[in-house]
Amino acid sequence: MSVANVLRGEASLVLGGVERIFRPTFAALVAAEGEIGPLFAAVERAAAGHLKLDELVALLWHTLSPDSGPLTREKFADAIVEIGLAAVTPVLKTLLTQVLQGR
């Protein structure tokens, strides 16, 4: 089992009873940007409280480490809704900080 490396901007979250690691690699962020649009705009929307749930799920999905175990996107999205936005916010903050600051 992997452990989130905070020095690399990683974060973890327990979803469905399994700890999931989120890794903001260049490839992951490019994939997320391809789906939700420019990441700086997503940061601005998040800061203003206007980031949509599908955008949040997309960013988290694309940064989900493959080491975190098998999971479909639909089950992933359901798990995000199940634990609530308050539980997801620290992970989102970590990922968006990485977008702004880099490593």
PDB file of N, CA and C in Angstrom:
ATOM      1  N   MET A   1       0.842  -1.187   0.000  1.00  0.00           N
ATOM      2  CA  MET A   1       0.000   0.000   0.000  1.00  0.00           C
ATOM      3  C   MET A   1       0.879   1.239   0.000  1.00  0.00           C
ATOM      4  N   SER A   2       0.569   2.183  -0.856  1.00  0.00           N
ATOM      5  CA  SER A   2       1.302   3.436  -0.938  1.00  0.00           C
ATOM      6  C   SER A   2       0.839   4.387   0.152  1.00  0.00           C
ATOM      7  N   VAL A   3       1.707   5.321   0.464  1.00  0.00           N
ATOM      8  CA  VAL A   3       1.385   6.383   1.416  1.00  0.00           C
ATOM      9  C   VAL A   3       1.584   7.704   0.681  1.00  0.00           C
ATOM     10  N   ALA A   4       0.682   8.648   0.913  1.00  0.00           N
ATOM     11  CA  ALA A   4       0.791   9.951   0.252  1.00  0.00           C
ATOM     12  C   ALA A   4       2.082  10.640   0.657  1.00  0.00           C
ATOM     13  N   ASN A   5       2.801  11.138  -0.328  1.00  0.00           N
ATOM     14  CA  ASN A   5       4.038  11.868  -0.108  1.00  0.00           C
ATOM     15  C   ASN A   5       3.712  13.360  -0.204  1.00  0.00           C
ATOM     16  N   VAL A   6       3.548  13.991   0.945  1.00  0.00           N
ATOM     17  CA  VAL A   6       3.157  15.407   0.961  1.00  0.00           C
ATOM     18  C   VAL A   6       4.221  16.300   0.339  1.00  0.00           C
ATOM     19  N   LEU A   7       5.465  15.868   0.337  1.00  0.00           N
ATOM     20  CA  LEU A   7       6.523  16.663  -0.283  1.00  0.00           C
ATOM     21  C   LEU A   7       6.366  16.725  -1.804  1.00  0.00           C
ATOM     22  N   ARG A   8       5.658  15.739  -2.381  1.00  0.00           N
ATOM     23  CA  ARG A   8       5.385  15.735  -3.820  1.00  0.00           C
ATOM     24  C   ARG A   8       3.995  16.277  -4.120  1.00  0.00           C
ATOM     25  N   GLY A   9       3.304  16.793  -3.111  1.00  0.00           N
ATOM     26  CA  GLY A   9       1.980  17.341  -3.324  1.00  0.00           C
ATOM     27  C   GLY A   9       0.880  16.304  -3.372  1.00  0.00           C
ATOM     28  N   GLU A  10       1.176  15.111  -2.911  1.00  0.00           N
ATOM     29  CA  GLU A  10       0.168  14.061  -2.905  1.00  0.00           C
ATOM     30  C   GLU A  10      -0.762  14.224  -1.709  1.00  0.00           C
ATOM     31  N   ALA A  11      -1.921  13.632  -1.825  1.00  0.00           N
ATOM     32  CA  ALA A  11      -2.907  13.650  -0.742  1.00  0.00           C
ATOM     33  C   ALA A  11      -3.582  12.289  -0.707  1.00  0.00           C
ATOM     34  N   SER A  12      -4.210  11.985   0.411  1.00  0.00           N
ATOM     35  CA  SER A  12      -4.925  10.716   0.508  1.00  0.00           C
ATOM     36  C   SER A  12      -6.324  10.958   1.067  1.00  0.00           C
ATOM     37  N   LEU A  13      -7.193   9.999   0.775  1.00  0.00           N
ATOM     38  CA  LEU A  13      -8.582  10.077   1.197  1.00  0.00           C
ATOM     39  C   LEU A  13      -9.119   8.656   1.261  1.00  0.00           C
ATOM     40  N   VAL A  14      -9.858   8.342   2.301  1.00  0.00           N
ATOM     41  CA  VAL A  14     -10.458   7.014   2.411  1.00  0.00           C
ATOM     42  C   VAL A  14     -11.797   7.033   1.687  1.00  0.00           C
ATOM     43  N   LEU A  15     -11.886   6.209   0.647  1.00  0.00           N
ATOM     44  CA  LEU A  15     -13.109   6.060  -0.132  1.00  0.00           C
ATOM     45  C   LEU A  15     -13.491   4.596  -0.159  1.00  0.00           C
ATOM     46  N   GLY A  16     -14.695   4.296   0.226  1.00  0.00           N
ATOM     47  CA  GLY A  16     -15.136   2.907   0.217  1.00  0.00           C
ATOM     48  C   GLY A  16     -14.302   2.018   1.112  1.00  0.00           C
ATOM     49  N   GLY A  17     -13.786   2.591   2.202  1.00  0.00           N
ATOM     50  CA  GLY A  17     -12.986   1.817   3.138  1.00  0.00           C
ATOM     51  C   GLY A  17     -11.548   1.585   2.701  1.00  0.00           C
ATOM     52  N   VAL A  18     -11.143   2.186   1.590  1.00  0.00           N
ATOM     53  CA  VAL A  18      -9.785   2.015   1.058  1.00  0.00           C
ATOM     54  C   VAL A  18      -9.116   3.380   0.962  1.00  0.00           C
ATOM     55  N   GLU A  19      -7.881   3.462   1.447  1.00  0.00           N
ATOM     56  CA  GLU A  19      -7.145   4.724   1.310  1.00  0.00           C
ATOM     57  C   GLU A  19      -6.716   4.897  -0.134  1.00  0.00           C
ATOM     58  N   ARG A  20      -7.103   6.011  -0.711  1.00  0.00           N
ATOM     59  CA  ARG A  20      -6.762   6.341  -2.104  1.00  0.00           C
ATOM     60  C   ARG A  20      -5.737   7.472  -2.096  1.00  0.00           C
ATOM     61  N   ILE A  21      -4.752   7.350  -2.965  1.00  0.00           N
ATOM     62  CA  ILE A  21      -3.693   8.352  -3.089  1.00  0.00           C
ATOM     63  C   ILE A  21      -3.941   9.177  -4.351  1.00  0.00           C
ATOM     64  N   PHE A  22      -3.794  10.485  -4.219  1.00  0.00           N
ATOM     65  CA  PHE A  22      -3.961  11.393  -5.349  1.00  0.00           C
ATOM     66  C   PHE A  22      -2.616  12.029  -5.646  1.00  0.00           C
ATOM     67  N   ARG A  23      -2.156  11.838  -6.898  1.00  0.00           N
ATOM     68  CA  ARG A  23      -0.841  12.294  -7.342  1.00  0.00           C
ATOM     69  C   ARG A  23      -0.989  13.305  -8.473  1.00  0.00           C
ATOM     70  N   PRO A  24      -0.641  14.555  -8.229  1.00  0.00           N
ATOM     71  CA  PRO A  24      -0.786  15.568  -9.273  1.00  0.00           C
ATOM     72  C   PRO A  24       0.408  15.582 -10.237  1.00  0.00           C
ATOM     73  N   THR A  25       0.561  14.497 -10.993  1.00  0.00           N
ATOM     74  CA  THR A  25       1.649  14.439 -11.975  1.00  0.00           C
ATOM     75  C   THR A  25       1.305  15.334 -13.158  1.00  0.00           C
ATOM     76  N   PHE A  26       2.303  15.639 -13.953  1.00  0.00           N
ATOM     77  CA  PHE A  26       2.073  16.451 -15.149  1.00  0.00           C
ATOM     78  C   PHE A  26       1.030  15.798 -16.043  1.00  0.00           C
ATOM     79  N   ALA A  27       1.174  14.508 -16.299  1.00  0.00           N
ATOM     80  CA  ALA A  27       0.234  13.790 -17.170  1.00  0.00           C
ATOM     81  C   ALA A  27      -1.184  13.820 -16.595  1.00  0.00           C
ATOM     82  N   ALA A  28      -1.300  13.657 -15.295  1.00  0.00           N
ATOM     83  CA  ALA A  28      -2.619  13.665 -14.658  1.00  0.00           C
ATOM     84  C   ALA A  28      -3.266  15.036 -14.775  1.00  0.00           C
ATOM     85  N   LEU A  29      -2.490  16.080 -14.566  1.00  0.00           N
ATOM     86  CA  LEU A  29      -3.039  17.440 -14.644  1.00  0.00           C
ATOM     87  C   LEU A  29      -3.396  17.816 -16.075  1.00  0.00           C
ATOM     88  N   VAL A  30      -2.614  17.351 -17.041  1.00  0.00           N
ATOM     89  CA  VAL A  30      -2.939  17.601 -18.451  1.00  0.00           C
ATOM     90  C   VAL A  30      -4.248  16.906 -18.809  1.00  0.00           C
ATOM     91  N   ALA A  31      -4.426  15.667 -18.337  1.00  0.00           N
ATOM     92  CA  ALA A  31      -5.663  14.935 -18.600  1.00  0.00           C
ATOM     93  C   ALA A  31      -6.860  15.643 -17.962  1.00  0.00           C
ATOM     94  N   ALA A  32      -6.693  16.115 -16.737  1.00  0.00           N
ATOM     95  CA  ALA A  32      -7.770  16.837 -16.061  1.00  0.00           C
ATOM     96  C   ALA A  32      -8.097  18.123 -16.816  1.00  0.00           C
ATOM     97  N   GLU A  33      -7.061  18.825 -17.240  1.00  0.00           N
ATOM     98  CA  GLU A  33      -7.262  20.077 -17.977  1.00  0.00           C
ATOM     99  C   GLU A  33      -7.986  19.814 -19.296  1.00  0.00           C
ATOM    100  N   GLY A  34      -7.685  18.692 -19.931  1.00  0.00           N
ATOM    101  CA  GLY A  34      -8.362  18.336 -21.171  1.00  0.00           C
ATOM    102  C   GLY A  34      -9.859  18.132 -20.969  1.00  0.00           C
ATOM    103  N   GLU A  35     -10.241  17.735 -19.784  1.00  0.00           N
ATOM    104  CA  GLU A  35     -11.656  17.503 -19.494  1.00  0.00           C
ATOM    105  C   GLU A  35     -12.366  18.729 -18.925  1.00  0.00           C
ATOM    106  N   ILE A  36     -11.717  19.449 -18.013  1.00  0.00           N
ATOM    107  CA  ILE A  36     -12.423  20.547 -17.329  1.00  0.00           C
ATOM    108  C   ILE A  36     -12.006  21.937 -17.793  1.00  0.00           C
ATOM    109  N   GLY A  37     -11.039  22.011 -18.685  1.00  0.00           N
ATOM    110  CA  GLY A  37     -10.578  23.310 -19.159  1.00  0.00           C
ATOM    111  C   GLY A  37      -9.357  23.763 -18.369  1.00  0.00           C
ATOM    112  N   PRO A  38      -8.910  24.988 -18.609  1.00  0.00           N
ATOM    113  CA  PRO A  38      -7.688  25.482 -17.975  1.00  0.00           C
ATOM    114  C   PRO A  38      -7.719  25.357 -16.454  1.00  0.00           C
ATOM    115  N   LEU A  39      -6.634  24.846 -15.901  1.00  0.00           N
ATOM    116  CA  LEU A  39      -6.577  24.608 -14.461  1.00  0.00           C
ATOM    117  C   LEU A  39      -6.572  25.897 -13.654  1.00  0.00           C
ATOM    118  N   PHE A  40      -5.972  26.949 -14.185  1.00  0.00           N
ATOM    119  CA  PHE A  40      -5.998  28.222 -13.452  1.00  0.00           C
ATOM    120  C   PHE A  40      -7.434  28.730 -13.324  1.00  0.00           C
ATOM    121  N   ALA A  41      -8.230  28.540 -14.357  1.00  0.00           N
ATOM    122  CA  ALA A  41      -9.644  28.925 -14.287  1.00  0.00           C
ATOM    123  C   ALA A  41     -10.375  28.058 -13.260  1.00  0.00           C
ATOM    124  N   ALA A  42     -10.015  26.783 -13.183  1.00  0.00           N
ATOM    125  CA  ALA A  42     -10.624  25.896 -12.180  1.00  0.00           C
ATOM    126  C   ALA A  42     -10.258  26.355 -10.771  1.00  0.00           C
ATOM    127  N   VAL A  43      -9.025  26.791 -10.589  1.00  0.00           N
ATOM    128  CA  VAL A  43      -8.597  27.314  -9.291  1.00  0.00           C
ATOM    129  C   VAL A  43      -9.426  28.547  -8.936  1.00  0.00           C
ATOM    130  N   GLU A  44      -9.624  29.427  -9.900  1.00  0.00           N
ATOM    131  CA  GLU A  44     -10.422  30.634  -9.657  1.00  0.00           C
ATOM    132  C   GLU A  44     -11.866  30.280  -9.323  1.00  0.00           C
ATOM    133  N   ARG A  45     -12.433  29.311 -10.047  1.00  0.00           N
ATOM    134  CA  ARG A  45     -13.807  28.892  -9.755  1.00  0.00           C
ATOM    135  C   ARG A  45     -13.901  28.282  -8.363  1.00  0.00           C
ATOM    136  N   ALA A  46     -12.902  27.487  -8.003  1.00  0.00           N
ATOM    137  CA  ALA A  46     -12.900  26.866  -6.672  1.00  0.00           C
ATOM    138  C   ALA A  46     -12.811  27.934  -5.588  1.00  0.00           C
ATOM    139  N   ALA A  47     -11.946  28.914  -5.790  1.00  0.00           N
ATOM    140  CA  ALA A  47     -11.783  29.983  -4.801  1.00  0.00           C
ATOM    141  C   ALA A  47     -13.075  30.787  -4.631  1.00  0.00           C
ATOM    142  N   ALA A  48     -13.831  30.903  -5.708  1.00  0.00           N
ATOM    143  CA  ALA A  48     -15.079  31.652  -5.663  1.00  0.00           C
ATOM    144  C   ALA A  48     -16.270  30.781  -5.250  1.00  0.00           C
ATOM    145  N   GLY A  49     -16.006  29.499  -5.027  1.00  0.00           N
ATOM    146  CA  GLY A  49     -17.087  28.589  -4.653  1.00  0.00           C
ATOM    147  C   GLY A  49     -17.936  28.149  -5.827  1.00  0.00           C
ATOM    148  N   HIS A  50     -17.351  28.198  -7.037  1.00  0.00           N
ATOM    149  CA  HIS A  50     -18.109  27.876  -8.243  1.00  0.00           C
ATOM    150  C   HIS A  50     -17.590  26.643  -8.978  1.00  0.00           C
ATOM    151  N   LEU A  51     -16.733  25.869  -8.358  1.00  0.00           N
ATOM    152  CA  LEU A  51     -16.264  24.639  -8.990  1.00  0.00           C
ATOM    153  C   LEU A  51     -17.403  23.625  -8.948  1.00  0.00           C
ATOM    154  N   LYS A  52     -17.771  23.093 -10.104  1.00  0.00           N
ATOM    155  CA  LYS A  52     -18.882  22.158 -10.169  1.00  0.00           C
ATOM    156  C   LYS A  52     -18.438  20.773  -9.702  1.00  0.00           C
ATOM    157  N   LEU A  53     -19.403  20.004  -9.244  1.00  0.00           N
ATOM    158  CA  LEU A  53     -19.122  18.663  -8.742  1.00  0.00           C
ATOM    159  C   LEU A  53     -18.467  17.792  -9.803  1.00  0.00           C
ATOM    160  N   ASP A  54     -18.912  17.884 -11.052  1.00  0.00           N
ATOM    161  CA  ASP A  54     -18.296  17.069 -12.091  1.00  0.00           C
ATOM    162  C   ASP A  54     -16.846  17.478 -12.344  1.00  0.00           C
ATOM    163  N   GLU A  55     -16.532  18.749 -12.163  1.00  0.00           N
ATOM    164  CA  GLU A  55     -15.151  19.209 -12.319  1.00  0.00           C
ATOM    165  C   GLU A  55     -14.286  18.684 -11.171  1.00  0.00           C
ATOM    166  N   LEU A  56     -14.828  18.727  -9.973  1.00  0.00           N
ATOM    167  CA  LEU A  56     -14.123  18.196  -8.807  1.00  0.00           C
ATOM    168  C   LEU A  56     -13.828  16.716  -8.997  1.00  0.00           C
ATOM    169  N   VAL A  57     -14.831  15.964  -9.386  1.00  0.00           N
ATOM    170  CA  VAL A  57     -14.651  14.522  -9.597  1.00  0.00           C
ATOM    171  C   VAL A  57     -13.626  14.275 -10.696  1.00  0.00           C
ATOM    172  N   ALA A  58     -13.674  15.050 -11.779  1.00  0.00           N
ATOM    173  CA  ALA A  58     -12.721  14.875 -12.880  1.00  0.00           C
ATOM    174  C   ALA A  58     -11.284  15.116 -12.409  1.00  0.00           C
ATOM    175  N   LEU A  59     -11.067  16.192 -11.674  1.00  0.00           N
ATOM    176  CA  LEU A  59      -9.719  16.488 -11.187  1.00  0.00           C
ATOM    177  C   LEU A  59      -9.216  15.372 -10.275  1.00  0.00           C
ATOM    178  N   LEU A  60     -10.065  14.942  -9.362  1.00  0.00           N
ATOM    179  CA  LEU A  60      -9.663  13.869  -8.456  1.00  0.00           C
ATOM    180  C   LEU A  60      -9.447  12.561  -9.208  1.00  0.00           C
ATOM    181  N   TRP A  61     -10.327  12.252 -10.153  1.00  0.00           N
ATOM    182  CA  TRP A  61     -10.219  11.004 -10.910  1.00  0.00           C
ATOM    183  C   TRP A  61      -8.895  10.930 -11.668  1.00  0.00           C
ATOM    184  N   HIS A  62      -8.552  12.024 -12.328  1.00  0.00           N
ATOM    185  CA  HIS A  62      -7.329  12.017 -13.140  1.00  0.00           C
ATOM    186  C   HIS A  62      -6.067  11.973 -12.291  1.00  0.00           C
ATOM    187  N   THR A  63      -6.143  12.431 -11.055  1.00  0.00           N
ATOM    188  CA  THR A  63      -4.965  12.401 -10.188  1.00  0.00           C
ATOM    189  C   THR A  63      -4.939  11.171  -9.278  1.00  0.00           C
ATOM    190  N   LEU A  64      -5.949  10.335  -9.364  1.00  0.00           N
ATOM    191  CA  LEU A  64      -6.001   9.112  -8.558  1.00  0.00           C
ATOM    192  C   LEU A  64      -4.874   8.172  -8.978  1.00  0.00           C
ATOM    193  N   SER A  65      -4.069   7.761  -8.026  1.00  0.00           N
ATOM    194  CA  SER A  65      -2.956   6.859  -8.306  1.00  0.00           C
ATOM    195  C   SER A  65      -3.473   5.475  -8.669  1.00  0.00           C
ATOM    196  N   PRO A  66      -2.897   4.869  -9.706  1.00  0.00           N
ATOM    197  CA  PRO A  66      -3.291   3.501 -10.044  1.00  0.00           C
ATOM    198  C   PRO A  66      -2.967   2.518  -8.924  1.00  0.00           C
ATOM    199  N   ASP A  67      -2.044   2.885  -8.047  1.00  0.00           N
ATOM    200  CA  ASP A  67      -1.684   2.043  -6.901  1.00  0.00           C
ATOM    201  C   ASP A  67      -2.797   1.985  -5.865  1.00  0.00           C
ATOM    202  N   SER A  68      -3.819   2.829  -6.023  1.00  0.00           N
ATOM    203  CA  SER A  68      -4.899   2.905  -5.043  1.00  0.00           C
ATOM    204  C   SER A  68      -5.919   1.780  -5.183  1.00  0.00           C
ATOM    205  N   GLY A  69      -5.737   0.923  -6.143  1.00  0.00           N
ATOM    206  CA  GLY A  69      -6.653  -0.205  -6.316  1.00  0.00           C
ATOM    207  C   GLY A  69      -7.703   0.065  -7.383  1.00  0.00           C
ATOM    208  N   PRO A  70      -8.377  -0.994  -7.826  1.00  0.00           N
ATOM    209  CA  PRO A  70      -9.349  -0.868  -8.906  1.00  0.00           C
ATOM    210  C   PRO A  70     -10.615  -0.135  -8.447  1.00  0.00           C
ATOM    211  N   LEU A  71     -11.138   0.692  -9.352  1.00  0.00           N
ATOM    212  CA  LEU A  71     -12.337   1.463  -9.049  1.00  0.00           C
ATOM    213  C   LEU A  71     -12.853   2.041 -10.361  1.00  0.00           C
ATOM    214  N   THR A  72     -14.146   1.930 -10.615  1.00  0.00           N
ATOM    215  CA  THR A  72     -14.707   2.569 -11.802  1.00  0.00           C
ATOM    216  C   THR A  72     -14.968   4.041 -11.495  1.00  0.00           C
ATOM    217  N   ARG A  73     -15.046   4.841 -12.522  1.00  0.00           N
ATOM    218  CA  ARG A  73     -15.290   6.270 -12.313  1.00  0.00           C
ATOM    219  C   ARG A  73     -16.663   6.494 -11.677  1.00  0.00           C
ATOM    220  N   GLU A  74     -17.639   5.714 -12.078  1.00  0.00           N
ATOM    221  CA  GLU A  74     -18.978   5.857 -11.506  1.00  0.00           C
ATOM    222  C   GLU A  74     -18.964   5.557 -10.008  1.00  0.00           C
ATOM    223  N   LYS A  75     -18.312   4.480  -9.604  1.00  0.00           N
ATOM    224  CA  LYS A  75     -18.224   4.138  -8.174  1.00  0.00           C
ATOM    225  C   LYS A  75     -17.390   5.179  -7.429  1.00  0.00           C
ATOM    226  N   PHE A  76     -16.363   5.690  -8.097  1.00  0.00           N
ATOM    227  CA  PHE A  76     -15.531   6.737  -7.520  1.00  0.00           C
ATOM    228  C   PHE A  76     -16.373   7.981  -7.235  1.00  0.00           C
ATOM    229  N   ALA A  77     -17.153   8.414  -8.220  1.00  0.00           N
ATOM    230  CA  ALA A  77     -17.999   9.596  -8.049  1.00  0.00           C
ATOM    231  C   ALA A  77     -19.018   9.377  -6.941  1.00  0.00           C
ATOM    232  N   ASP A  78     -19.607   8.192  -6.897  1.00  0.00           N
ATOM    233  CA  ASP A  78     -20.565   7.881  -5.832  1.00  0.00           C
ATOM    234  C   ASP A  78     -19.910   7.936  -4.463  1.00  0.00           C
ATOM    235  N   ALA A  79     -18.673   7.450  -4.375  1.00  0.00           N
ATOM    236  CA  ALA A  79     -17.949   7.462  -3.099  1.00  0.00           C
ATOM    237  C   ALA A  79     -17.634   8.890  -2.660  1.00  0.00           C
ATOM    238  N   ILE A  80     -17.329   9.760  -3.620  1.00  0.00           N
ATOM    239  CA  ILE A  80     -17.069  11.171  -3.311  1.00  0.00           C
ATOM    240  C   ILE A  80     -18.327  11.810  -2.723  1.00  0.00           C
ATOM    241  N   VAL A  81     -19.465  11.569  -3.350  1.00  0.00           N
ATOM    242  CA  VAL A  81     -20.734  12.125  -2.861  1.00  0.00           C
ATOM    243  C   VAL A  81     -21.064  11.546  -1.485  1.00  0.00           C
ATOM    244  N   GLU A  82     -20.785  10.262  -1.310  1.00  0.00           N
ATOM    245  CA  GLU A  82     -21.102   9.603  -0.039  1.00  0.00           C
ATOM    246  C   GLU A  82     -20.343  10.207   1.134  1.00  0.00           C
ATOM    247  N   ILE A  83     -19.059  10.518   0.953  1.00  0.00           N
ATOM    248  CA  ILE A  83     -18.296  11.054   2.085  1.00  0.00           C
ATOM    249  C   ILE A  83     -18.505  12.558   2.265  1.00  0.00           C
ATOM    250  N   GLY A  84     -18.963  13.240   1.214  1.00  0.00           N
ATOM    251  CA  GLY A  84     -19.289  14.658   1.316  1.00  0.00           C
ATOM    252  C   GLY A  84     -18.145  15.588   0.948  1.00  0.00           C
ATOM    253  N   LEU A  85     -18.524  16.781   0.574  1.00  0.00           N
ATOM    254  CA  LEU A  85     -17.537  17.767   0.120  1.00  0.00           C
ATOM    255  C   LEU A  85     -16.591  18.211   1.224  1.00  0.00           C
ATOM    256  N   ALA A  86     -17.060  18.236   2.456  1.00  0.00           N
ATOM    257  CA  ALA A  86     -16.181  18.650   3.560  1.00  0.00           C
ATOM    258  C   ALA A  86     -14.993  17.710   3.685  1.00  0.00           C
ATOM    259  N   ALA A  87     -15.200  16.420   3.479  1.00  0.00           N
ATOM    260  CA  ALA A  87     -14.103  15.450   3.580  1.00  0.00           C
ATOM    261  C   ALA A  87     -13.149  15.545   2.395  1.00  0.00           C
ATOM    262  N   VAL A  88     -13.660  15.984   1.248  1.00  0.00           N
ATOM    263  CA  VAL A  88     -12.859  16.051   0.021  1.00  0.00           C
ATOM    264  C   VAL A  88     -12.071  17.354  -0.079  1.00  0.00           C
ATOM    265  N   THR A  89     -12.530  18.385   0.609  1.00  0.00           N
ATOM    266  CA  THR A  89     -11.929  19.714   0.479  1.00  0.00           C
ATOM    267  C   THR A  89     -10.425  19.751   0.758  1.00  0.00           C
ATOM    268  N   PRO A  90      -9.901  19.079   1.793  1.00  0.00           N
ATOM    269  CA  PRO A  90      -8.442  19.122   2.004  1.00  0.00           C
ATOM    270  C   PRO A  90      -7.647  18.538   0.826  1.00  0.00           C
ATOM    271  N   VAL A  91      -8.171  17.500   0.206  1.00  0.00           N
ATOM    272  CA  VAL A  91      -7.494  16.909  -0.962  1.00  0.00           C
ATOM    273  C   VAL A  91      -7.532  17.894  -2.120  1.00  0.00           C
ATOM    274  N   LEU A  92      -8.691  18.495  -2.355  1.00  0.00           N
ATOM    275  CA  LEU A  92      -8.821  19.493  -3.417  1.00  0.00           C
ATOM    276  C   LEU A  92      -7.850  20.639  -3.183  1.00  0.00           C
ATOM    277  N   LYS A  93      -7.763  21.117  -1.960  1.00  0.00           N
ATOM    278  CA  LYS A  93      -6.851  22.218  -1.632  1.00  0.00           C
ATOM    279  C   LYS A  93      -5.399  21.837  -1.941  1.00  0.00           C
ATOM    280  N   THR A  94      -5.013  20.630  -1.572  1.00  0.00           N
ATOM    281  CA  THR A  94      -3.651  20.170  -1.846  1.00  0.00           C
ATOM    282  C   THR A  94      -3.371  20.143  -3.342  1.00  0.00           C
ATOM    283  N   LEU A  95      -4.299  19.598  -4.119  1.00  0.00           N
ATOM    284  CA  LEU A  95      -4.098  19.505  -5.569  1.00  0.00           C
ATOM    285  C   LEU A  95      -4.066  20.876  -6.225  1.00  0.00           C
ATOM    286  N   LEU A  96      -4.974  21.755  -5.819  1.00  0.00           N
ATOM    287  CA  LEU A  96      -4.996  23.094  -6.416  1.00  0.00           C
ATOM    288  C   LEU A  96      -3.767  23.899  -6.021  1.00  0.00           C
ATOM    289  N   THR A  97      -3.266  23.689  -4.817  1.00  0.00           N
ATOM    290  CA  THR A  97      -2.019  24.339  -4.397  1.00  0.00           C
ATOM    291  C   THR A  97      -0.880  23.913  -5.303  1.00  0.00           C
ATOM    292  N   GLN A  98      -0.847  22.630  -5.657  1.00  0.00           N
ATOM    293  CA  GLN A  98       0.186  22.129  -6.548  1.00  0.00           C
ATOM    294  C   GLN A  98       0.081  22.772  -7.926  1.00  0.00           C
ATOM    295  N   VAL A  99      -1.133  22.994  -8.389  1.00  0.00           N
ATOM    296  CA  VAL A  99      -1.321  23.655  -9.688  1.00  0.00           C
ATOM    297  C   VAL A  99      -0.703  25.051  -9.642  1.00  0.00           C
ATOM    298  N   LEU A 100      -0.901  25.750  -8.533  1.00  0.00           N
ATOM    299  CA  LEU A 100      -0.408  27.127  -8.420  1.00  0.00           C
ATOM    300  C   LEU A 100       1.081  27.211  -8.115  1.00  0.00           C
ATOM    301  N   GLN A 101       1.580  26.322  -7.268  1.00  0.00           N
ATOM    302  CA  GLN A 101       2.957  26.433  -6.788  1.00  0.00           C
ATOM    303  C   GLN A 101       3.936  25.503  -7.480  1.00  0.00           C
ATOM    304  N   GLY A 102       3.478  24.360  -7.940  1.00  0.00           N
ATOM    305  CA  GLY A 102       4.397  23.358  -8.462  1.00  0.00           C
ATOM    306  C   GLY A 102       5.138  22.703  -7.337  1.00  0.00           C
ATOM    307  N   ARG A 103       6.160  21.951  -7.666  1.00  0.00           N
ATOM    308  CA  ARG A 103       6.921  21.235  -6.626  1.00  0.00           C
ATOM    309  C   ARG A 103       8.037  22.072  -6.096  1.00  0.00           C
TER     310      ARG A 103
END
